[in-house]
């Protein structure tokens, strides 16, 4: 839509005899065009032209490149066009085309500088501009709602468990970042193996701990259970041996006071 408006504006400028091809000047009309001297036949040698497209502080300036053909060079050392916006000078532009610059938007004003050397005179350029003021548009401006959100707090480095290592999803520890924890050989992890940064500056759990293998086995350790089992077997064997001896040994006789043998 803006392209249609800008092309129409350029047509009106041409029909009503606006100044064309002047080397420099201040442009403040709502709609206009900026043309290099001699366009499209060719710009003169040793030109140095400065234009200022100026609107009010709150105005928006739209720029469209209708044609651009300046002597080409990798570093644009010879002939070039350059923009200065808010005191910041942009790169030199040269060559042909520049369709990527068909929509340049700035606020307030923009300085345009063109320079040519003493040789190779190309057709030059023609750009169209439009100054859009908040009071000139007939379309109501959309209502802007300011939404205040809480300041995001990054998490601090939780460190590493002793005898362990970690794998990070992002070294910045930002909201949504996670850390996976692992233990060295011979150790096992107790606690959460993954911590998540919740955006409030806190991790989802405490730093886990790496402990020697077997420390976390529930109940009596395996070696103790084995000792108890062996002791039980040995004890049962001793009891069995005693019972066997009692059964196999014949009973002894006891002589009474009258001389009679009393069997046991």
C-alpha atoms as a PDB file:
ATOM      1  CA  UNK A   1       0.000   0.000   0.000  1.00  0.00           C
ATOM      2  CA  UNK A   2       2.781   2.450   0.853  1.00  0.00           C
ATOM      3  CA  UNK A   3       4.489   1.708  -2.436  1.00  0.00           C
ATOM      4  CA  UNK A   4       1.322   2.603  -4.349  1.00  0.00           C
ATOM      5  CA  UNK A   5       1.033   5.863  -2.415  1.00  0.00           C
ATOM      6  CA  UNK A   6       4.672   6.753  -2.921  1.00  0.00           C
ATOM      7  CA  UNK A   7       4.599   6.025  -6.659  1.00  0.00           C
ATOM      8  CA  UNK A   8       1.447   8.127  -6.959  1.00  0.00           C
ATOM      9  CA  UNK A   9       3.148  10.904  -5.005  1.00  0.00           C
ATOM     10  CA  UNK A  10       6.152  10.815  -7.337  1.00  0.00           C
ATOM     11  CA  UNK A  11       3.842  11.074 -10.337  1.00  0.00           C
ATOM     12  CA  UNK A  12       2.160  14.147  -8.864  1.00  0.00           C
ATOM     13  CA  UNK A  13       5.535  15.728  -8.148  1.00  0.00           C
ATOM     14  CA  UNK A  14       6.609  15.239 -11.730  1.00  0.00           C
ATOM     15  CA  UNK A  15       3.340  16.558 -13.150  1.00  0.00           C
ATOM     16  CA  UNK A  16       3.335  19.716 -11.074  1.00  0.00           C
ATOM     17  CA  UNK A  17       6.974  20.664 -11.758  1.00  0.00           C
ATOM     18  CA  UNK A  18       8.825  20.131  -8.525  1.00  0.00           C
ATOM     19  CA  UNK A  19      12.556  20.864  -8.554  1.00  0.00           C
ATOM     20  CA  UNK A  20      14.465  17.924 -10.043  1.00  0.00           C
ATOM     21  CA  UNK A  21      18.131  17.057  -9.999  1.00  0.00           C
ATOM     22  CA  UNK A  22      19.325  19.779  -7.676  1.00  0.00           C
ATOM     23  CA  UNK A  23      22.551  19.116  -5.789  1.00  0.00           C
ATOM     24  CA  UNK A  24      21.444  19.370  -2.168  1.00  0.00           C
ATOM     25  CA  UNK A  25      18.767  21.250  -0.273  1.00  0.00           C
ATOM     26  CA  UNK A  26      16.220  20.894   2.495  1.00  0.00           C
ATOM     27  CA  UNK A  27      13.041  18.963   1.720  1.00  0.00           C
ATOM     28  CA  UNK A  28      10.117  19.409   4.082  1.00  0.00           C
ATOM     29  CA  UNK A  29       7.060  18.964   1.839  1.00  0.00           C
ATOM     30  CA  UNK A  30       4.717  16.163   2.819  1.00  0.00           C
ATOM     31  CA  UNK A  31       5.542  14.275  -0.386  1.00  0.00           C
ATOM     32  CA  UNK A  32       8.495  14.649  -2.739  1.00  0.00           C
ATOM     33  CA  UNK A  33      11.397  13.042  -4.561  1.00  0.00           C
ATOM     34  CA  UNK A  34      15.151  13.268  -4.326  1.00  0.00           C
ATOM     35  CA  UNK A  35      17.063  12.923  -7.584  1.00  0.00           C
ATOM     36  CA  UNK A  36      20.782  12.985  -8.291  1.00  0.00           C
ATOM     37  CA  UNK A  37      21.996  15.738 -10.651  1.00  0.00           C
ATOM     38  CA  UNK A  38      21.727  14.717 -14.323  1.00  0.00           C
ATOM     39  CA  UNK A  39      19.471  11.725 -13.668  1.00  0.00           C
ATOM     40  CA  UNK A  40      18.984   9.542 -15.685  1.00  0.00           C
ATOM     41  CA  UNK A  41      21.572  10.698 -18.243  1.00  0.00           C
ATOM     42  CA  UNK A  42      24.411  10.627 -15.731  1.00  0.00           C
ATOM     43  CA  UNK A  43      25.621  12.578 -12.719  1.00  0.00           C
ATOM     44  CA  UNK A  44      28.511  15.040 -13.123  1.00  0.00           C
ATOM     45  CA  UNK A  45      32.015  14.356 -11.889  1.00  0.00           C
ATOM     46  CA  UNK A  46      33.264  15.587  -8.513  1.00  0.00           C
ATOM     47  CA  UNK A  47      29.786  16.129  -7.078  1.00  0.00           C
ATOM     48  CA  UNK A  48      29.165  16.565  -3.363  1.00  0.00           C
ATOM     49  CA  UNK A  49      25.465  16.964  -2.576  1.00  0.00           C
ATOM     50  CA  UNK A  50      23.747  17.059   0.802  1.00  0.00           C
ATOM     51  CA  UNK A  51      19.981  16.868   1.232  1.00  0.00           C
ATOM     52  CA  UNK A  52      18.010  17.012   4.459  1.00  0.00           C
ATOM     53  CA  UNK A  53      14.541  15.503   4.540  1.00  0.00           C
ATOM     54  CA  UNK A  54      13.013  17.171   7.569  1.00  0.00           C
ATOM     55  CA  UNK A  55       9.771  16.641   9.404  1.00  0.00           C
ATOM     56  CA  UNK A  56       8.594  17.443  12.901  1.00  0.00           C
ATOM     57  CA  UNK A  57      10.013  15.508  15.832  1.00  0.00           C
ATOM     58  CA  UNK A  58       7.085  13.082  15.909  1.00  0.00           C
ATOM     59  CA  UNK A  59       6.793  12.721  12.122  1.00  0.00           C
ATOM     60  CA  UNK A  60       7.713   9.503  10.346  1.00  0.00           C
ATOM     61  CA  UNK A  61       9.667   9.680   7.078  1.00  0.00           C
ATOM     62  CA  UNK A  62       9.180   6.876   4.563  1.00  0.00           C
ATOM     63  CA  UNK A  63      11.705   6.430   1.739  1.00  0.00           C
ATOM     64  CA  UNK A  64      11.428   4.279  -1.381  1.00  0.00           C
ATOM     65  CA  UNK A  65      14.199   3.685  -3.933  1.00  0.00           C
ATOM     66  CA  UNK A  66      12.640   3.953  -7.373  1.00  0.00           C
ATOM     67  CA  UNK A  67      15.985   3.725  -9.214  1.00  0.00           C
ATOM     68  CA  UNK A  68      19.602   3.362  -8.113  1.00  0.00           C
ATOM     69  CA  UNK A  69      22.709   3.007 -10.308  1.00  0.00           C
ATOM     70  CA  UNK A  70      25.985   4.391  -8.934  1.00  0.00           C
ATOM     71  CA  UNK A  71      29.524   3.310  -9.861  1.00  0.00           C
ATOM     72  CA  UNK A  72      30.130  -0.079  -8.249  1.00  0.00           C
ATOM     73  CA  UNK A  73      33.072  -0.865  -5.989  1.00  0.00           C
ATOM     74  CA  UNK A  74      33.525  -3.379  -3.175  1.00  0.00           C
ATOM     75  CA  UNK A  75      34.209  -0.598  -0.672  1.00  0.00           C
ATOM     76  CA  UNK A  76      32.274   2.173  -2.491  1.00  0.00           C
ATOM     77  CA  UNK A  77      35.472   4.268  -2.617  1.00  0.00           C
ATOM     78  CA  UNK A  78      34.587   6.348  -5.695  1.00  0.00           C
ATOM     79  CA  UNK A  79      30.892   7.243  -5.973  1.00  0.00           C
ATOM     80  CA  UNK A  80      28.425   6.587  -3.184  1.00  0.00           C
ATOM     81  CA  UNK A  81      25.231   7.567  -1.372  1.00  0.00           C
ATOM     82  CA  UNK A  82      25.120   7.662   2.437  1.00  0.00           C
ATOM     83  CA  UNK A  83      22.441   8.307   5.076  1.00  0.00           C
ATOM     84  CA  UNK A  84      22.884   9.885   8.499  1.00  0.00           C
ATOM     85  CA  UNK A  85      20.124   9.224  11.056  1.00  0.00           C
ATOM     86  CA  UNK A  86      20.157  10.594  14.613  1.00  0.00           C
ATOM     87  CA  UNK A  87      23.821  11.528  14.238  1.00  0.00           C
ATOM     88  CA  UNK A  88      24.771   7.997  13.175  1.00  0.00           C
ATOM     89  CA  UNK A  89      26.334   7.787   9.706  1.00  0.00           C
ATOM     90  CA  UNK A  90      25.467   4.654   7.784  1.00  0.00           C
ATOM     91  CA  UNK A  91      27.469   2.627   5.304  1.00  0.00           C
ATOM     92  CA  UNK A  92      28.254   3.859   1.817  1.00  0.00           C
ATOM     93  CA  UNK A  93      25.876   2.610  -0.865  1.00  0.00           C
ATOM     94  CA  UNK A  94      26.917   2.022  -4.453  1.00  0.00           C
ATOM     95  CA  UNK A  95      26.246  -0.345  -7.317  1.00  0.00           C
ATOM     96  CA  UNK A  96      22.834  -1.013  -8.819  1.00  0.00           C
ATOM     97  CA  UNK A  97      19.483  -2.203  -7.511  1.00  0.00           C
ATOM     98  CA  UNK A  98      19.069  -1.930  -3.724  1.00  0.00           C
ATOM     99  CA  UNK A  99      15.547  -3.283  -3.664  1.00  0.00           C
ATOM    100  CA  UNK A 100      16.134  -4.130   0.016  1.00  0.00           C
ATOM    101  CA  UNK A 101      15.996  -0.392   0.758  1.00  0.00           C
ATOM    102  CA  UNK A 102      12.518   0.123  -0.673  1.00  0.00           C
ATOM    103  CA  UNK A 103      11.100   0.761   2.788  1.00  0.00           C
ATOM    104  CA  UNK A 104      13.300   2.986   4.963  1.00  0.00           C
ATOM    105  CA  UNK A 105      11.516   4.444   7.971  1.00  0.00           C
ATOM    106  CA  UNK A 106      12.994   7.140  10.216  1.00  0.00           C
ATOM    107  CA  UNK A 107      11.644   9.692  12.668  1.00  0.00           C
ATOM    108  CA  UNK A 108      12.214  13.452  12.591  1.00  0.00           C
ATOM    109  CA  UNK A 109      14.791  13.986   9.836  1.00  0.00           C
ATOM    110  CA  UNK A 110      17.381  12.227   7.728  1.00  0.00           C
ATOM    111  CA  UNK A 111      20.523  13.563   6.016  1.00  0.00           C
ATOM    112  CA  UNK A 112      21.361  12.208   2.555  1.00  0.00           C
ATOM    113  CA  UNK A 113      24.869  12.708   1.140  1.00  0.00           C
ATOM    114  CA  UNK A 114      26.063  11.894  -2.397  1.00  0.00           C
ATOM    115  CA  UNK A 115      29.636  12.056  -3.707  1.00  0.00           C
ATOM    116  CA  UNK A 116      31.186  11.263  -7.108  1.00  0.00           C
ATOM    117  CA  UNK A 117      34.802  11.234  -8.229  1.00  0.00           C
ATOM    118  CA  UNK A 118      36.303  12.461 -11.492  1.00  0.00           C
ATOM    119  CA  UNK A 119      35.608   9.368 -13.634  1.00  0.00           C
ATOM    120  CA  UNK A 120      32.816   6.894 -14.500  1.00  0.00           C
ATOM    121  CA  UNK A 121      29.519   8.744 -14.453  1.00  0.00           C
ATOM    122  CA  UNK A 122      26.528   6.413 -13.987  1.00  0.00           C
ATOM    123  CA  UNK A 123      22.778   7.303 -14.323  1.00  0.00           C
ATOM    124  CA  UNK A 124      22.433   8.061 -10.587  1.00  0.00           C
ATOM    125  CA  UNK A 125      19.392   7.605  -8.394  1.00  0.00           C
ATOM    126  CA  UNK A 126      15.824   8.635  -7.754  1.00  0.00           C
ATOM    127  CA  UNK A 127      14.117   8.105  -4.429  1.00  0.00           C
ATOM    128  CA  UNK A 128      10.658   9.100  -3.255  1.00  0.00           C
ATOM    129  CA  UNK A 129       9.832  10.196   0.270  1.00  0.00           C
ATOM    130  CA  UNK A 130       6.709  10.871   2.292  1.00  0.00           C
ATOM    131  CA  UNK A 131       6.486  12.629   5.642  1.00  0.00           C
ATOM    132  CA  UNK A 132       3.685  11.204   7.749  1.00  0.00           C
ATOM    133  CA  UNK A 133       2.458  13.315  10.654  1.00  0.00           C
ATOM    134  CA  UNK A 134       0.222  11.931  13.401  1.00  0.00           C
ATOM    135  CA  UNK A 135      -2.242  14.743  12.571  1.00  0.00           C
ATOM    136  CA  UNK A 136      -2.347  14.088   8.810  1.00  0.00           C
ATOM    137  CA  UNK A 137      -3.610  10.535   8.844  1.00  0.00           C
ATOM    138  CA  UNK A 138      -7.333   9.899   8.611  1.00  0.00           C
ATOM    139  CA  UNK A 139      -7.063   6.460  10.129  1.00  0.00           C
ATOM    140  CA  UNK A 140      -7.439   6.511  13.915  1.00  0.00           C
ATOM    141  CA  UNK A 141      -4.249   5.529  15.614  1.00  0.00           C
ATOM    142  CA  UNK A 142      -4.484   2.217  17.442  1.00  0.00           C
ATOM    143  CA  UNK A 143      -4.790   2.413  21.187  1.00  0.00           C
ATOM    144  CA  UNK A 144      -1.531   1.563  22.872  1.00  0.00           C
ATOM    145  CA  UNK A 145      -1.753  -0.276  26.138  1.00  0.00           C
ATOM    146  CA  UNK A 146       1.291  -0.392  28.342  1.00  0.00           C
ATOM    147  CA  UNK A 147       1.613  -3.687  30.103  1.00  0.00           C
ATOM    148  CA  UNK A 148       3.978  -3.808  33.018  1.00  0.00           C
ATOM    149  CA  UNK A 149       5.504  -7.207  33.590  1.00  0.00           C
ATOM    150  CA  UNK A 150       7.676  -8.363  36.448  1.00  0.00           C
ATOM    151  CA  UNK A 151      11.383  -8.104  35.925  1.00  0.00           C
ATOM    152  CA  UNK A 152      12.731 -11.498  34.970  1.00  0.00           C
ATOM    153  CA  UNK A 153      15.369 -12.765  37.375  1.00  0.00           C
ATOM    154  CA  UNK A 154      18.041 -15.134  36.137  1.00  0.00           C
ATOM    155  CA  UNK A 155      19.161 -17.965  38.396  1.00  0.00           C
ATOM    156  CA  UNK A 156      22.610 -18.097  39.969  1.00  0.00           C
ATOM    157  CA  UNK A 157      25.112 -20.848  39.221  1.00  0.00           C
ATOM    158  CA  UNK A 158      24.138 -23.775  41.508  1.00  0.00           C
ATOM    159  CA  UNK A 159      27.601 -25.322  41.313  1.00  0.00           C
ATOM    160  CA  UNK A 160      28.548 -28.990  40.958  1.00  0.00           C
ATOM    161  CA  UNK A 161      28.115 -31.912  43.341  1.00  0.00           C
ATOM    162  CA  UNK A 162      31.361 -33.404  44.634  1.00  0.00           C
ATOM    163  CA  UNK A 163      32.373 -36.366  42.453  1.00  0.00           C
ATOM    164  CA  UNK A 164      29.821 -35.286  39.845  1.00  0.00           C
ATOM    165  CA  UNK A 165      29.326 -33.280  36.659  1.00  0.00           C
ATOM    166  CA  UNK A 166      26.550 -31.348  34.919  1.00  0.00           C
ATOM    167  CA  UNK A 167      25.175 -30.749  31.421  1.00  0.00           C
ATOM    168  CA  UNK A 168      23.743 -27.255  30.819  1.00  0.00           C
ATOM    169  CA  UNK A 169      21.040 -26.214  28.351  1.00  0.00           C
ATOM    170  CA  UNK A 170      22.306 -22.600  28.463  1.00  0.00           C
ATOM    171  CA  UNK A 171      25.241 -21.075  30.318  1.00  0.00           C
ATOM    172  CA  UNK A 172      23.197 -17.949  31.143  1.00  0.00           C
ATOM    173  CA  UNK A 173      20.872 -19.722  33.642  1.00  0.00           C
ATOM    174  CA  UNK A 174      17.778 -17.927  32.298  1.00  0.00           C
ATOM    175  CA  UNK A 175      14.111 -18.718  32.772  1.00  0.00           C
ATOM    176  CA  UNK A 176      13.356 -22.189  31.439  1.00  0.00           C
ATOM    177  CA  UNK A 177      17.003 -23.288  31.369  1.00  0.00           C
ATOM    178  CA  UNK A 178      17.802 -26.656  32.909  1.00  0.00           C
ATOM    179  CA  UNK A 179      20.824 -28.526  34.276  1.00  0.00           C
ATOM    180  CA  UNK A 180      21.264 -32.312  34.204  1.00  0.00           C
ATOM    181  CA  UNK A 181      23.505 -33.845  36.891  1.00  0.00           C
ATOM    182  CA  UNK A 182      25.513 -37.084  36.747  1.00  0.00           C
ATOM    183  CA  UNK A 183      27.957 -38.812  39.114  1.00  0.00           C
ATOM    184  CA  UNK A 184      31.431 -40.188  38.481  1.00  0.00           C
ATOM    185  CA  UNK A 185      32.013 -43.935  38.295  1.00  0.00           C
ATOM    186  CA  UNK A 186      31.617 -45.562  41.696  1.00  0.00           C
ATOM    187  CA  UNK A 187      29.062 -43.000  42.862  1.00  0.00           C
ATOM    188  CA  UNK A 188      25.294 -42.697  42.665  1.00  0.00           C
ATOM    189  CA  UNK A 189      23.059 -39.610  42.722  1.00  0.00           C
ATOM    190  CA  UNK A 190      20.758 -38.726  45.563  1.00  0.00           C
ATOM    191  CA  UNK A 191      18.263 -35.911  44.992  1.00  0.00           C
ATOM    192  CA  UNK A 192      16.864 -34.481  41.777  1.00  0.00           C
ATOM    193  CA  UNK A 193      18.914 -35.248  38.661  1.00  0.00           C
ATOM    194  CA  UNK A 194      17.550 -32.116  36.896  1.00  0.00           C
ATOM    195  CA  UNK A 195      17.182 -28.527  38.097  1.00  0.00           C
ATOM    196  CA  UNK A 196      14.978 -25.987  36.274  1.00  0.00           C
ATOM    197  CA  UNK A 197      15.302 -22.183  36.506  1.00  0.00           C
ATOM    198  CA  UNK A 198      11.755 -20.919  37.175  1.00  0.00           C
ATOM    199  CA  UNK A 199      12.440 -17.260  36.254  1.00  0.00           C
ATOM    200  CA  UNK A 200      12.121 -15.917  39.800  1.00  0.00           C
ATOM    201  CA  UNK A 201      15.796 -16.467  40.517  1.00  0.00           C
ATOM    202  CA  UNK A 202      15.272 -19.886  42.120  1.00  0.00           C
ATOM    203  CA  UNK A 203      16.029 -23.435  41.040  1.00  0.00           C
ATOM    204  CA  UNK A 204      13.329 -26.092  41.182  1.00  0.00           C
ATOM    205  CA  UNK A 205      15.242 -28.208  43.731  1.00  0.00           C
ATOM    206  CA  UNK A 206      18.355 -28.370  45.852  1.00  0.00           C
ATOM    207  CA  UNK A 207      21.719 -29.358  44.421  1.00  0.00           C
ATOM    208  CA  UNK A 208      21.907 -33.186  44.401  1.00  0.00           C
ATOM    209  CA  UNK A 209      24.709 -35.160  46.085  1.00  0.00           C
ATOM    210  CA  UNK A 210      26.917 -37.974  44.777  1.00  0.00           C
ATOM    211  CA  UNK A 211      27.478 -40.774  47.321  1.00  0.00           C
ATOM    212  CA  UNK A 212      29.469 -44.047  47.022  1.00  0.00           C
ATOM    213  CA  UNK A 213      27.666 -46.938  45.369  1.00  0.00           C
ATOM    214  CA  UNK A 214      25.673 -49.062  47.823  1.00  0.00           C
ATOM    215  CA  UNK A 215      25.115 -46.258  50.314  1.00  0.00           C
ATOM    216  CA  UNK A 216      21.500 -45.839  49.243  1.00  0.00           C
ATOM    217  CA  UNK A 217      20.558 -49.606  49.439  1.00  0.00           C
ATOM    218  CA  UNK A 218      17.458 -49.896  51.617  1.00  0.00           C
ATOM    219  CA  UNK A 219      17.566 -52.047  54.803  1.00  0.00           C
ATOM    220  CA  UNK A 220      20.535 -54.119  56.036  1.00  0.00           C
ATOM    221  CA  UNK A 221      23.591 -54.061  53.742  1.00  0.00           C
ATOM    222  CA  UNK A 222      24.092 -57.151  51.591  1.00  0.00           C
ATOM    223  CA  UNK A 223      27.295 -58.202  53.356  1.00  0.00           C
ATOM    224  CA  UNK A 224      25.517 -58.185  56.738  1.00  0.00           C
ATOM    225  CA  UNK A 225      22.677 -60.312  55.364  1.00  0.00           C
ATOM    226  CA  UNK A 226      25.224 -62.839  54.047  1.00  0.00           C
ATOM    227  CA  UNK A 227      26.956 -63.043  57.432  1.00  0.00           C
ATOM    228  CA  UNK A 228      23.664 -63.635  59.222  1.00  0.00           C
ATOM    229  CA  UNK A 229      22.720 -66.377  56.776  1.00  0.00           C
ATOM    230  CA  UNK A 230      26.069 -68.157  57.192  1.00  0.00           C
ATOM    231  CA  UNK A 231      25.819 -67.907  60.996  1.00  0.00           C
ATOM    232  CA  UNK A 232      22.335 -69.377  60.936  1.00  0.00           C
ATOM    233  CA  UNK A 233      23.448 -72.323  58.846  1.00  0.00           C
ATOM    234  CA  UNK A 234      26.408 -73.019  61.126  1.00  0.00           C
ATOM    235  CA  UNK A 235      24.219 -72.778  64.220  1.00  0.00           C
ATOM    236  CA  UNK A 236      21.643 -75.195  62.803  1.00  0.00           C
ATOM    237  CA  UNK A 237      24.451 -77.630  61.971  1.00  0.00           C
ATOM    238  CA  UNK A 238      25.766 -77.597  65.517  1.00  0.00           C
ATOM    239  CA  UNK A 239      22.297 -78.188  66.976  1.00  0.00           C
ATOM    240  CA  UNK A 240      21.722 -81.075  64.583  1.00  0.00           C
ATOM    241  CA  UNK A 241      25.039 -82.670  65.539  1.00  0.00           C
ATOM    242  CA  UNK A 242      24.208 -82.487  69.251  1.00  0.00           C
ATOM    243  CA  UNK A 243      20.797 -84.082  68.730  1.00  0.00           C
ATOM    244  CA  UNK A 244      22.341 -86.826  66.622  1.00  0.00           C
ATOM    245  CA  UNK A 245      24.866 -87.658  69.330  1.00  0.00           C
ATOM    246  CA  UNK A 246      22.172 -87.817  72.010  1.00  0.00           C
ATOM    247  CA  UNK A 247      20.061 -90.204  69.966  1.00  0.00           C
ATOM    248  CA  UNK A 248      22.878 -92.579  68.963  1.00  0.00           C
ATOM    249  CA  UNK A 249      24.584 -92.883  72.472  1.00  0.00           C
ATOM    250  CA  UNK A 250      23.088 -95.865  74.531  1.00  0.00           C
ATOM    251  CA  UNK A 251      21.748 -95.049  78.003  1.00  0.00           C
ATOM    252  CA  UNK A 252      23.910 -95.952  81.039  1.00  0.00           C
ATOM    253  CA  UNK A 253      22.689 -98.021  84.039  1.00  0.00           C
ATOM    254  CA  UNK A 254      22.725 -96.690  87.561  1.00  0.00           C
ATOM    255  CA  UNK A 255      23.094 -99.061  90.489  1.00  0.00           C
ATOM    256  CA  UNK A 256      20.746 -98.400  93.379  1.00  0.00           C
ATOM    257  CA  UNK A 257      21.493 -98.634  97.068  1.00  0.00           C
ATOM    258  CA  UNK A 258      20.152-102.234  97.307  1.00  0.00           C
ATOM    259  CA  UNK A 259      22.494-103.379  94.574  1.00  0.00           C
ATOM    260  CA  UNK A 260      19.693-103.475  91.957  1.00  0.00           C
ATOM    261  CA  UNK A 261      20.503-102.029  88.565  1.00  0.00           C
ATOM    262  CA  UNK A 262      18.014 -99.359  87.604  1.00  0.00           C
ATOM    263  CA  UNK A 263      17.984 -98.580  83.815  1.00  0.00           C
ATOM    264  CA  UNK A 264      17.848 -94.943  82.827  1.00  0.00           C
END
